[in-house]
Amino acid sequence: MKTEDYIKRFIEKEKQIEPTPFLRTRIMGVIEKPMVKKASSWQPVIATVSISLIMLLGFQLSNLYNSSSAKQTLLNINDSNIEMLHYYHIESNE
């Protein structure tokens, strides 16, 4: 009960505090004041360069992938002997 009494006393103290008369006016003035933020002149340039570099990197990676796959040698292995599939074939005919 000691904690509850402490909380009640604290709330009553807070209720008794009188705010300054012009507090609402100052708060509303700050809220309603339009915030003007000037964009840097470098931001569009940096954004354009970044997007261009990303596109260039994507094209280079796709060309690298396509050229390496064209040079690749394919290997065809008959793995029926490895997997011993002939046992299944013989059993299915019995």
PDB file of N, CA and C in Angstrom:
ATOM      1  N   MET A   1       0.808  -1.198   0.000  1.00  0.00           N
ATOM      2  CA  MET A   1       0.000   0.000   0.000  1.00  0.00           C
ATOM      3  C   MET A   1       0.852   1.263   0.000  1.00  0.00           C
ATOM      4  N   LYS A   2       2.080   1.124   0.410  1.00  0.00           N
ATOM      5  CA  LYS A   2       2.941   2.295   0.462  1.00  0.00           C
ATOM      6  C   LYS A   2       3.197   2.855  -0.932  1.00  0.00           C
ATOM      7  N   THR A   3       3.352   1.970  -1.908  1.00  0.00           N
ATOM      8  CA  THR A   3       3.600   2.406  -3.278  1.00  0.00           C
ATOM      9  C   THR A   3       2.375   3.125  -3.848  1.00  0.00           C
ATOM     10  N   GLU A   4       1.185   2.595  -3.577  1.00  0.00           N
ATOM     11  CA  GLU A   4      -0.035   3.220  -4.076  1.00  0.00           C
ATOM     12  C   GLU A   4      -0.229   4.604  -3.455  1.00  0.00           C
ATOM     13  N   ASP A   5       0.077   4.739  -2.175  1.00  0.00           N
ATOM     14  CA  ASP A   5      -0.031   6.054  -1.521  1.00  0.00           C
ATOM     15  C   ASP A   5       0.957   7.044  -2.128  1.00  0.00           C
ATOM     16  N   TYR A   6       2.146   6.585  -2.417  1.00  0.00           N
ATOM     17  CA  TYR A   6       3.152   7.446  -3.028  1.00  0.00           C
ATOM     18  C   TYR A   6       2.688   7.917  -4.404  1.00  0.00           C
ATOM     19  N   ILE A   7       2.112   7.004  -5.178  1.00  0.00           N
ATOM     20  CA  ILE A   7       1.623   7.350  -6.511  1.00  0.00           C
ATOM     21  C   ILE A   7       0.485   8.360  -6.417  1.00  0.00           C
ATOM     22  N   LYS A   8      -0.445   8.164  -5.501  1.00  0.00           N
ATOM     23  CA  LYS A   8      -1.567   9.095  -5.335  1.00  0.00           C
ATOM     24  C   LYS A   8      -1.081  10.482  -4.932  1.00  0.00           C
ATOM     25  N   ARG A   9      -0.107  10.539  -4.001  1.00  0.00           N
ATOM     26  CA  ARG A   9       0.440  11.848  -3.593  1.00  0.00           C
ATOM     27  C   ARG A   9       1.143  12.538  -4.762  1.00  0.00           C
ATOM     28  N   PHE A  10       1.861  11.766  -5.559  1.00  0.00           N
ATOM     29  CA  PHE A  10       2.558  12.332  -6.711  1.00  0.00           C
ATOM     30  C   PHE A  10       1.558  12.905  -7.719  1.00  0.00           C
ATOM     31  N   ILE A  11       0.467  12.173  -7.972  1.00  0.00           N
ATOM     32  CA  ILE A  11      -0.551  12.648  -8.917  1.00  0.00           C
ATOM     33  C   ILE A  11      -1.207  13.918  -8.400  1.00  0.00           C
ATOM     34  N   GLU A  12      -1.503  13.973  -7.129  1.00  0.00           N
ATOM     35  CA  GLU A  12      -2.118  15.173  -6.553  1.00  0.00           C
ATOM     36  C   GLU A  12      -1.184  16.379  -6.656  1.00  0.00           C
ATOM     37  N   LYS A  13       0.113  16.164  -6.448  1.00  0.00           N
ATOM     38  CA  LYS A  13       1.081  17.262  -6.594  1.00  0.00           C
ATOM     39  C   LYS A  13       1.119  17.767  -8.031  1.00  0.00           C
ATOM     40  N   GLU A  14       1.073  16.836  -8.970  1.00  0.00           N
ATOM     41  CA  GLU A  14       1.108  17.221 -10.380  1.00  0.00           C
ATOM     42  C   GLU A  14      -0.146  17.995 -10.773  1.00  0.00           C
ATOM     43  N   LYS A  15      -1.293  17.647 -10.210  1.00  0.00           N
ATOM     44  CA  LYS A  15      -2.531  18.359 -10.500  1.00  0.00           C
ATOM     45  C   LYS A  15      -2.506  19.785  -9.965  1.00  0.00           C
ATOM     46  N   GLN A  16      -1.768  20.020  -8.901  1.00  0.00           N
ATOM     47  CA  GLN A  16      -1.730  21.338  -8.279  1.00  0.00           C
ATOM     48  C   GLN A  16      -0.786  22.310  -8.997  1.00  0.00           C
ATOM     49  N   ILE A  17       0.052  21.817  -9.866  1.00  0.00           N
ATOM     50  CA  ILE A  17       0.999  22.684 -10.573  1.00  0.00           C
ATOM     51  C   ILE A  17       0.229  23.526 -11.580  1.00  0.00           C
ATOM     52  N   GLU A  18       0.423  24.834 -11.544  1.00  0.00           N
ATOM     53  CA  GLU A  18      -0.221  25.759 -12.475  1.00  0.00           C
ATOM     54  C   GLU A  18       0.730  26.035 -13.646  1.00  0.00           C
ATOM     55  N   PRO A  19       0.275  25.801 -14.875  1.00  0.00           N
ATOM     56  CA  PRO A  19       1.138  26.094 -16.019  1.00  0.00           C
ATOM     57  C   PRO A  19       1.205  27.599 -16.266  1.00  0.00           C
ATOM     58  N   THR A  20       2.239  28.021 -16.949  1.00  0.00           N
ATOM     59  CA  THR A  20       2.350  29.444 -17.273  1.00  0.00           C
ATOM     60  C   THR A  20       1.223  29.814 -18.231  1.00  0.00           C
ATOM     61  N   PRO A  21       0.706  31.041 -18.134  1.00  0.00           N
ATOM     62  CA  PRO A  21      -0.471  31.398 -18.933  1.00  0.00           C
ATOM     63  C   PRO A  21      -0.225  31.406 -20.442  1.00  0.00           C
ATOM     64  N   PHE A  22       0.990  31.622 -20.883  1.00  0.00           N
ATOM     65  CA  PHE A  22       1.255  31.721 -22.311  1.00  0.00           C
ATOM     66  C   PHE A  22       1.858  30.443 -22.889  1.00  0.00           C
ATOM     67  N   LEU A  23       1.813  29.368 -22.117  1.00  0.00           N
ATOM     68  CA  LEU A  23       2.397  28.106 -22.577  1.00  0.00           C
ATOM     69  C   LEU A  23       1.673  27.575 -23.819  1.00  0.00           C
ATOM     70  N   ARG A  24       0.343  27.602 -23.794  1.00  0.00           N
ATOM     71  CA  ARG A  24      -0.427  27.114 -24.941  1.00  0.00           C
ATOM     72  C   ARG A  24      -0.113  27.939 -26.181  1.00  0.00           C
ATOM     73  N   THR A  25      -0.003  29.239 -26.040  1.00  0.00           N
ATOM     74  CA  THR A  25       0.273  30.108 -27.180  1.00  0.00           C
ATOM     75  C   THR A  25       1.636  29.804 -27.780  1.00  0.00           C
ATOM     76  N   ARG A  26       2.631  29.596 -26.939  1.00  0.00           N
ATOM     77  CA  ARG A  26       3.977  29.301 -27.445  1.00  0.00           C
ATOM     78  C   ARG A  26       4.011  27.938 -28.144  1.00  0.00           C
ATOM     79  N   ILE A  27       3.346  26.944 -27.559  1.00  0.00           N
ATOM     80  CA  ILE A  27       3.343  25.606 -28.158  1.00  0.00           C
ATOM     81  C   ILE A  27       2.630  25.631 -29.503  1.00  0.00           C
ATOM     82  N   MET A  28       1.478  26.276 -29.579  1.00  0.00           N
ATOM     83  CA  MET A  28       0.735  26.341 -30.832  1.00  0.00           C
ATOM     84  C   MET A  28       1.498  27.138 -31.886  1.00  0.00           C
ATOM     85  N   GLY A  29       2.240  28.172 -31.456  1.00  0.00           N
ATOM     86  CA  GLY A  29       3.051  28.940 -32.398  1.00  0.00           C
ATOM     87  C   GLY A  29       4.142  28.101 -33.028  1.00  0.00           C
ATOM     88  N   VAL A  30       4.759  27.242 -32.241  1.00  0.00           N
ATOM     89  CA  VAL A  30       5.805  26.363 -32.772  1.00  0.00           C
ATOM     90  C   VAL A  30       5.206  25.311 -33.703  1.00  0.00           C
ATOM     91  N   ILE A  31       4.035  24.778 -33.338  1.00  0.00           N
ATOM     92  CA  ILE A  31       3.406  23.742 -34.155  1.00  0.00           C
ATOM     93  C   ILE A  31       2.952  24.319 -35.496  1.00  0.00           C
ATOM     94  N   GLU A  32       2.354  25.492 -35.476  1.00  0.00           N
ATOM     95  CA  GLU A  32       1.800  26.073 -36.698  1.00  0.00           C
ATOM     96  C   GLU A  32       2.841  26.751 -37.580  1.00  0.00           C
ATOM     97  N   LYS A  33       4.016  26.989 -37.063  1.00  0.00           N
ATOM     98  CA  LYS A  33       5.058  27.647 -37.845  1.00  0.00           C
ATOM     99  C   LYS A  33       5.518  26.705 -38.956  1.00  0.00           C
ATOM    100  N   PRO A  34       5.455  27.166 -40.206  1.00  0.00           N
ATOM    101  CA  PRO A  34       5.893  26.270 -41.294  1.00  0.00           C
ATOM    102  C   PRO A  34       7.401  26.073 -41.243  1.00  0.00           C
ATOM    103  N   MET A  35       7.771  24.811 -41.388  1.00  0.00           N
ATOM    104  CA  MET A  35       9.195  24.485 -41.379  1.00  0.00           C
ATOM    105  C   MET A  35       9.710  24.543 -42.806  1.00  0.00           C
ATOM    106  N   VAL A  36      10.609  25.432 -43.057  1.00  0.00           N
ATOM    107  CA  VAL A  36      11.193  25.576 -44.386  1.00  0.00           C
ATOM    108  C   VAL A  36      12.585  24.963 -44.341  1.00  0.00           C
ATOM    109  N   LYS A  37      12.721  23.899 -45.091  1.00  0.00           N
ATOM    110  CA  LYS A  37      14.014  23.235 -45.140  1.00  0.00           C
ATOM    111  C   LYS A  37      14.512  23.303 -46.573  1.00  0.00           C
ATOM    112  N   LYS A  38      15.563  24.019 -46.775  1.00  0.00           N
ATOM    113  CA  LYS A  38      16.103  24.183 -48.114  1.00  0.00           C
ATOM    114  C   LYS A  38      16.967  22.961 -48.444  1.00  0.00           C
ATOM    115  N   ALA A  39      16.636  22.363 -49.566  1.00  0.00           N
ATOM    116  CA  ALA A  39      17.398  21.198 -50.008  1.00  0.00           C
ATOM    117  C   ALA A  39      18.736  21.638 -50.568  1.00  0.00           C
ATOM    118  N   SER A  40      19.712  20.850 -50.310  1.00  0.00           N
ATOM    119  CA  SER A  40      21.046  21.134 -50.820  1.00  0.00           C
ATOM    120  C   SER A  40      21.054  20.969 -52.341  1.00  0.00           C
ATOM    121  N   SER A  41      21.853  21.779 -52.997  1.00  0.00           N
ATOM    122  CA  SER A  41      21.928  21.683 -54.461  1.00  0.00           C
ATOM    123  C   SER A  41      22.680  20.432 -54.901  1.00  0.00           C
ATOM    124  N   TRP A  42      23.380  19.792 -53.992  1.00  0.00           N
ATOM    125  CA  TRP A  42      24.136  18.591 -54.338  1.00  0.00           C
ATOM    126  C   TRP A  42      23.284  17.327 -54.277  1.00  0.00           C
ATOM    127  N   GLN A  43      22.154  17.374 -53.583  1.00  0.00           N
ATOM    128  CA  GLN A  43      21.342  16.168 -53.428  1.00  0.00           C
ATOM    129  C   GLN A  43      20.864  15.590 -54.760  1.00  0.00           C
ATOM    130  N   PRO A  44      20.312  16.370 -55.676  1.00  0.00           N
ATOM    131  CA  PRO A  44      19.897  15.765 -56.957  1.00  0.00           C
ATOM    132  C   PRO A  44      21.069  15.215 -57.761  1.00  0.00           C
ATOM    133  N   VAL A  45      22.201  15.886 -57.678  1.00  0.00           N
ATOM    134  CA  VAL A  45      23.383  15.429 -58.420  1.00  0.00           C
ATOM    135  C   VAL A  45      23.866  14.097 -57.858  1.00  0.00           C
ATOM    136  N   ILE A  46      23.929  13.998 -56.546  1.00  0.00           N
ATOM    137  CA  ILE A  46      24.385  12.760 -55.914  1.00  0.00           C
ATOM    138  C   ILE A  46      23.413  11.628 -56.195  1.00  0.00           C
ATOM    139  N   ALA A  47      22.110  11.911 -56.144  1.00  0.00           N
ATOM    140  CA  ALA A  47      21.111  10.877 -56.430  1.00  0.00           C
ATOM    141  C   ALA A  47      21.237  10.382 -57.870  1.00  0.00           C
ATOM    142  N   THR A  48      21.419  11.297 -58.803  1.00  0.00           N
ATOM    143  CA  THR A  48      21.548  10.916 -60.215  1.00  0.00           C
ATOM    144  C   THR A  48      22.794  10.074 -60.447  1.00  0.00           C
ATOM    145  N   VAL A  49      23.905  10.481 -59.867  1.00  0.00           N
ATOM    146  CA  VAL A  49      25.159   9.731 -60.031  1.00  0.00           C
ATOM    147  C   VAL A  49      25.035   8.349 -59.392  1.00  0.00           C
ATOM    148  N   SER A  50      24.398   8.269 -58.234  1.00  0.00           N
ATOM    149  CA  SER A  50      24.240   6.978 -57.556  1.00  0.00           C
ATOM    150  C   SER A  50      23.406   6.020 -58.390  1.00  0.00           C
ATOM    151  N   ILE A  51      22.287   6.499 -58.912  1.00  0.00           N
ATOM    152  CA  ILE A  51      21.439   5.634 -59.728  1.00  0.00           C
ATOM    153  C   ILE A  51      22.167   5.200 -60.998  1.00  0.00           C
ATOM    154  N   SER A  52      22.916   6.118 -61.605  1.00  0.00           N
ATOM    155  CA  SER A  52      23.669   5.767 -62.815  1.00  0.00           C
ATOM    156  C   SER A  52      24.725   4.708 -62.527  1.00  0.00           C
ATOM    157  N   LEU A  53      25.426   4.838 -61.408  1.00  0.00           N
ATOM    158  CA  LEU A  53      26.444   3.842 -61.053  1.00  0.00           C
ATOM    159  C   LEU A  53      25.825   2.484 -60.775  1.00  0.00           C
ATOM    160  N   ILE A  54      24.680   2.473 -60.120  1.00  0.00           N
ATOM    161  CA  ILE A  54      24.016   1.197 -59.832  1.00  0.00           C
ATOM    162  C   ILE A  54      23.578   0.527 -61.127  1.00  0.00           C
ATOM    163  N   MET A  55      23.042   1.319 -62.073  1.00  0.00           N
ATOM    164  CA  MET A  55      22.644   0.742 -63.363  1.00  0.00           C
ATOM    165  C   MET A  55      23.851   0.218 -64.131  1.00  0.00           C
ATOM    166  N   LEU A  56      24.927   0.967 -64.141  1.00  0.00           N
ATOM    167  CA  LEU A  56      26.140   0.537 -64.831  1.00  0.00           C
ATOM    168  C   LEU A  56      26.691  -0.748 -64.219  1.00  0.00           C
ATOM    169  N   LEU A  57      26.696  -0.817 -62.901  1.00  0.00           N
ATOM    170  CA  LEU A  57      27.166  -2.022 -62.230  1.00  0.00           C
ATOM    171  C   LEU A  57      26.283  -3.220 -62.561  1.00  0.00           C
ATOM    172  N   GLY A  58      24.971  -3.003 -62.627  1.00  0.00           N
ATOM    173  CA  GLY A  58      24.052  -4.087 -62.991  1.00  0.00           C
ATOM    174  C   GLY A  58      24.296  -4.587 -64.395  1.00  0.00           C
ATOM    175  N   PHE A  59      24.497  -3.659 -65.340  1.00  0.00           N
ATOM    176  CA  PHE A  59      24.783  -4.070 -66.717  1.00  0.00           C
ATOM    177  C   PHE A  59      26.104  -4.831 -66.811  1.00  0.00           C
ATOM    178  N   GLN A  60      27.111  -4.363 -66.095  1.00  0.00           N
ATOM    179  CA  GLN A  60      28.405  -5.038 -66.135  1.00  0.00           C
ATOM    180  C   GLN A  60      28.313  -6.442 -65.542  1.00  0.00           C
ATOM    181  N   LEU A  61      27.584  -6.587 -64.451  1.00  0.00           N
ATOM    182  CA  LEU A  61      27.431  -7.917 -63.854  1.00  0.00           C
ATOM    183  C   LEU A  61      26.653  -8.850 -64.764  1.00  0.00           C
ATOM    184  N   SER A  62      25.620  -8.332 -65.429  1.00  0.00           N
ATOM    185  CA  SER A  62      24.863  -9.201 -66.338  1.00  0.00           C
ATOM    186  C   SER A  62      25.712  -9.612 -67.534  1.00  0.00           C
ATOM    187  N   ASN A  63      26.531  -8.711 -68.059  1.00  0.00           N
ATOM    188  CA  ASN A  63      27.417  -9.075 -69.162  1.00  0.00           C
ATOM    189  C   ASN A  63      28.457 -10.089 -68.722  1.00  0.00           C
ATOM    190  N   LEU A  64      28.964  -9.956 -67.532  1.00  0.00           N
ATOM    191  CA  LEU A  64      29.933 -10.906 -67.006  1.00  0.00           C
ATOM    192  C   LEU A  64      29.305 -12.281 -66.862  1.00  0.00           C
ATOM    193  N   TYR A  65      28.083 -12.323 -66.374  1.00  0.00           N
ATOM    194  CA  TYR A  65      27.385 -13.598 -66.196  1.00  0.00           C
ATOM    195  C   TYR A  65      27.092 -14.248 -67.541  1.00  0.00           C
ATOM    196  N   ASN A  66      26.621 -13.464 -68.481  1.00  0.00           N
ATOM    197  CA  ASN A  66      26.277 -14.013 -69.795  1.00  0.00           C
ATOM    198  C   ASN A  66      27.513 -14.481 -70.557  1.00  0.00           C
ATOM    199  N   SER A  67      28.605 -13.753 -70.479  1.00  0.00           N
ATOM    200  CA  SER A  67      29.802 -14.149 -71.215  1.00  0.00           C
ATOM    201  C   SER A  67      30.441 -15.392 -70.604  1.00  0.00           C
ATOM    202  N   SER A  68      30.369 -15.548 -69.295  1.00  0.00           N
ATOM    203  CA  SER A  68      30.974 -16.733 -68.674  1.00  0.00           C
ATOM    204  C   SER A  68      30.134 -17.969 -68.941  1.00  0.00           C
ATOM    205  N   SER A  69      28.816 -17.810 -69.044  1.00  0.00           N
ATOM    206  CA  SER A  69      27.981 -18.982 -69.306  1.00  0.00           C
ATOM    207  C   SER A  69      28.114 -19.428 -70.755  1.00  0.00           C
ATOM    208  N   ALA A  70      28.463 -18.507 -71.675  1.00  0.00           N
ATOM    209  CA  ALA A  70      28.640 -18.888 -73.080  1.00  0.00           C
ATOM    210  C   ALA A  70      29.906 -19.713 -73.257  1.00  0.00           C
ATOM    211  N   LYS A  71      30.905 -19.472 -72.459  1.00  0.00           N
ATOM    212  CA  LYS A  71      32.173 -20.203 -72.556  1.00  0.00           C
ATOM    213  C   LYS A  71      32.141 -21.513 -71.777  1.00  0.00           C
ATOM    214  N   GLN A  72      31.115 -21.735 -71.048  1.00  0.00           N
ATOM    215  CA  GLN A  72      31.055 -22.895 -70.172  1.00  0.00           C
ATOM    216  C   GLN A  72      30.856 -24.176 -70.988  1.00  0.00           C
ATOM    217  N   THR A  73      31.569 -25.217 -70.611  1.00  0.00           N
ATOM    218  CA  THR A  73      31.453 -26.510 -71.277  1.00  0.00           C
ATOM    219  C   THR A  73      30.470 -27.360 -70.481  1.00  0.00           C
ATOM    220  N   LEU A  74      29.540 -27.948 -71.193  1.00  0.00           N
ATOM    221  CA  LEU A  74      28.553 -28.787 -70.534  1.00  0.00           C
ATOM    222  C   LEU A  74      29.051 -30.218 -70.486  1.00  0.00           C
ATOM    223  N   LEU A  75      28.687 -30.918 -69.458  1.00  0.00           N
ATOM    224  CA  LEU A  75      29.114 -32.294 -69.259  1.00  0.00           C
ATOM    225  C   LEU A  75      27.872 -33.164 -69.149  1.00  0.00           C
ATOM    226  N   ASN A  76      27.772 -34.130 -70.016  1.00  0.00           N
ATOM    227  CA  ASN A  76      26.619 -35.014 -70.031  1.00  0.00           C
ATOM    228  C   ASN A  76      27.077 -36.386 -69.551  1.00  0.00           C
ATOM    229  N   ILE A  77      26.514 -36.831 -68.450  1.00  0.00           N
ATOM    230  CA  ILE A  77      26.917 -38.107 -67.866  1.00  0.00           C
ATOM    231  C   ILE A  77      25.701 -39.015 -67.801  1.00  0.00           C
ATOM    232  N   ASN A  78      25.902 -40.241 -68.248  1.00  0.00           N
ATOM    233  CA  ASN A  78      24.862 -41.248 -68.093  1.00  0.00           C
ATOM    234  C   ASN A  78      25.068 -41.877 -66.724  1.00  0.00           C
ATOM    235  N   ASP A  79      24.230 -41.502 -65.782  1.00  0.00           N
ATOM    236  CA  ASP A  79      24.438 -41.963 -64.411  1.00  0.00           C
ATOM    237  C   ASP A  79      23.521 -43.129 -64.047  1.00  0.00           C
ATOM    238  N   SER A  80      22.966 -43.789 -65.026  1.00  0.00           N
ATOM    239  CA  SER A  80      22.092 -44.920 -64.710  1.00  0.00           C
ATOM    240  C   SER A  80      22.886 -46.048 -64.053  1.00  0.00           C
ATOM    241  N   ASN A  81      24.160 -46.216 -64.416  1.00  0.00           N
ATOM    242  CA  ASN A  81      24.978 -47.244 -63.776  1.00  0.00           C
ATOM    243  C   ASN A  81      25.334 -46.852 -62.347  1.00  0.00           C
ATOM    244  N   ILE A  82      25.499 -45.590 -62.138  1.00  0.00           N
ATOM    245  CA  ILE A  82      25.850 -45.146 -60.797  1.00  0.00           C
ATOM    246  C   ILE A  82      24.671 -45.354 -59.846  1.00  0.00           C
ATOM    247  N   GLU A  83      23.479 -45.026 -60.310  1.00  0.00           N
ATOM    248  CA  GLU A  83      22.303 -45.115 -59.449  1.00  0.00           C
ATOM    249  C   GLU A  83      21.683 -46.510 -59.449  1.00  0.00           C
ATOM    250  N   MET A  84      22.163 -47.373 -60.299  1.00  0.00           N
ATOM    251  CA  MET A  84      21.680 -48.747 -60.413  1.00  0.00           C
ATOM    252  C   MET A  84      20.176 -48.788 -60.661  1.00  0.00           C
ATOM    253  N   LEU A  85      19.764 -48.034 -61.664  1.00  0.00           N
ATOM    254  CA  LEU A  85      18.356 -48.001 -62.007  1.00  0.00           C
ATOM    255  C   LEU A  85      17.900 -49.272 -62.719  1.00  0.00           C
ATOM    256  N   HIS A  86      18.849 -50.023 -63.209  1.00  0.00           N
ATOM    257  CA  HIS A  86      18.462 -51.249 -63.921  1.00  0.00           C
ATOM    258  C   HIS A  86      17.789 -52.248 -62.977  1.00  0.00           C
ATOM    259  N   TYR A  87      18.071 -52.185 -61.671  1.00  0.00           N
ATOM    260  CA  TYR A  87      17.394 -53.068 -60.719  1.00  0.00           C
ATOM    261  C   TYR A  87      15.900 -52.765 -60.679  1.00  0.00           C
ATOM    262  N   TYR A  88      15.525 -51.538 -60.721  1.00  0.00           N
ATOM    263  CA  TYR A  88      14.114 -51.165 -60.719  1.00  0.00           C
ATOM    264  C   TYR A  88      13.449 -51.570 -62.031  1.00  0.00           C
ATOM    265  N   HIS A  89      14.194 -51.479 -63.088  1.00  0.00           N
ATOM    266  CA  HIS A  89      13.647 -51.851 -64.389  1.00  0.00           C
ATOM    267  C   HIS A  89      13.371 -53.357 -64.451  1.00  0.00           C
ATOM    268  N   ILE A  90      14.290 -54.128 -63.909  1.00  0.00           N
ATOM    269  CA  ILE A  90      14.133 -55.604 -63.912  1.00  0.00           C
ATOM    270  C   ILE A  90      12.968 -55.992 -63.035  1.00  0.00           C
ATOM    271  N   GLU A  91      12.835 -55.412 -61.855  1.00  0.00           N
ATOM    272  CA  GLU A  91      11.750 -55.756 -60.933  1.00  0.00           C
ATOM    273  C   GLU A  91      10.390 -55.379 -61.475  1.00  0.00           C
ATOM    274  N   SER A  92      10.323 -54.312 -62.231  1.00  0.00           N
ATOM    275  CA  SER A  92       9.020 -53.889 -62.746  1.00  0.00           C
ATOM    276  C   SER A  92       8.516 -54.825 -63.838  1.00  0.00           C
ATOM    277  N   ASN A  93       9.423 -55.554 -64.511  1.00  0.00           N
ATOM    278  CA  ASN A  93       9.014 -56.480 -65.570  1.00  0.00           C
ATOM    279  C   ASN A  93       8.660 -57.846 -65.033  1.00  0.00           C
ATOM    280  N   GLU A  94       8.913 -58.118 -63.815  1.00  0.00           N
ATOM    281  CA  GLU A  94       8.646 -59.456 -63.264  1.00  0.00           C
ATOM    282  C   GLU A  94       7.209 -59.664 -62.909  1.00  0.00           C
TER     283      GLU A  94
END
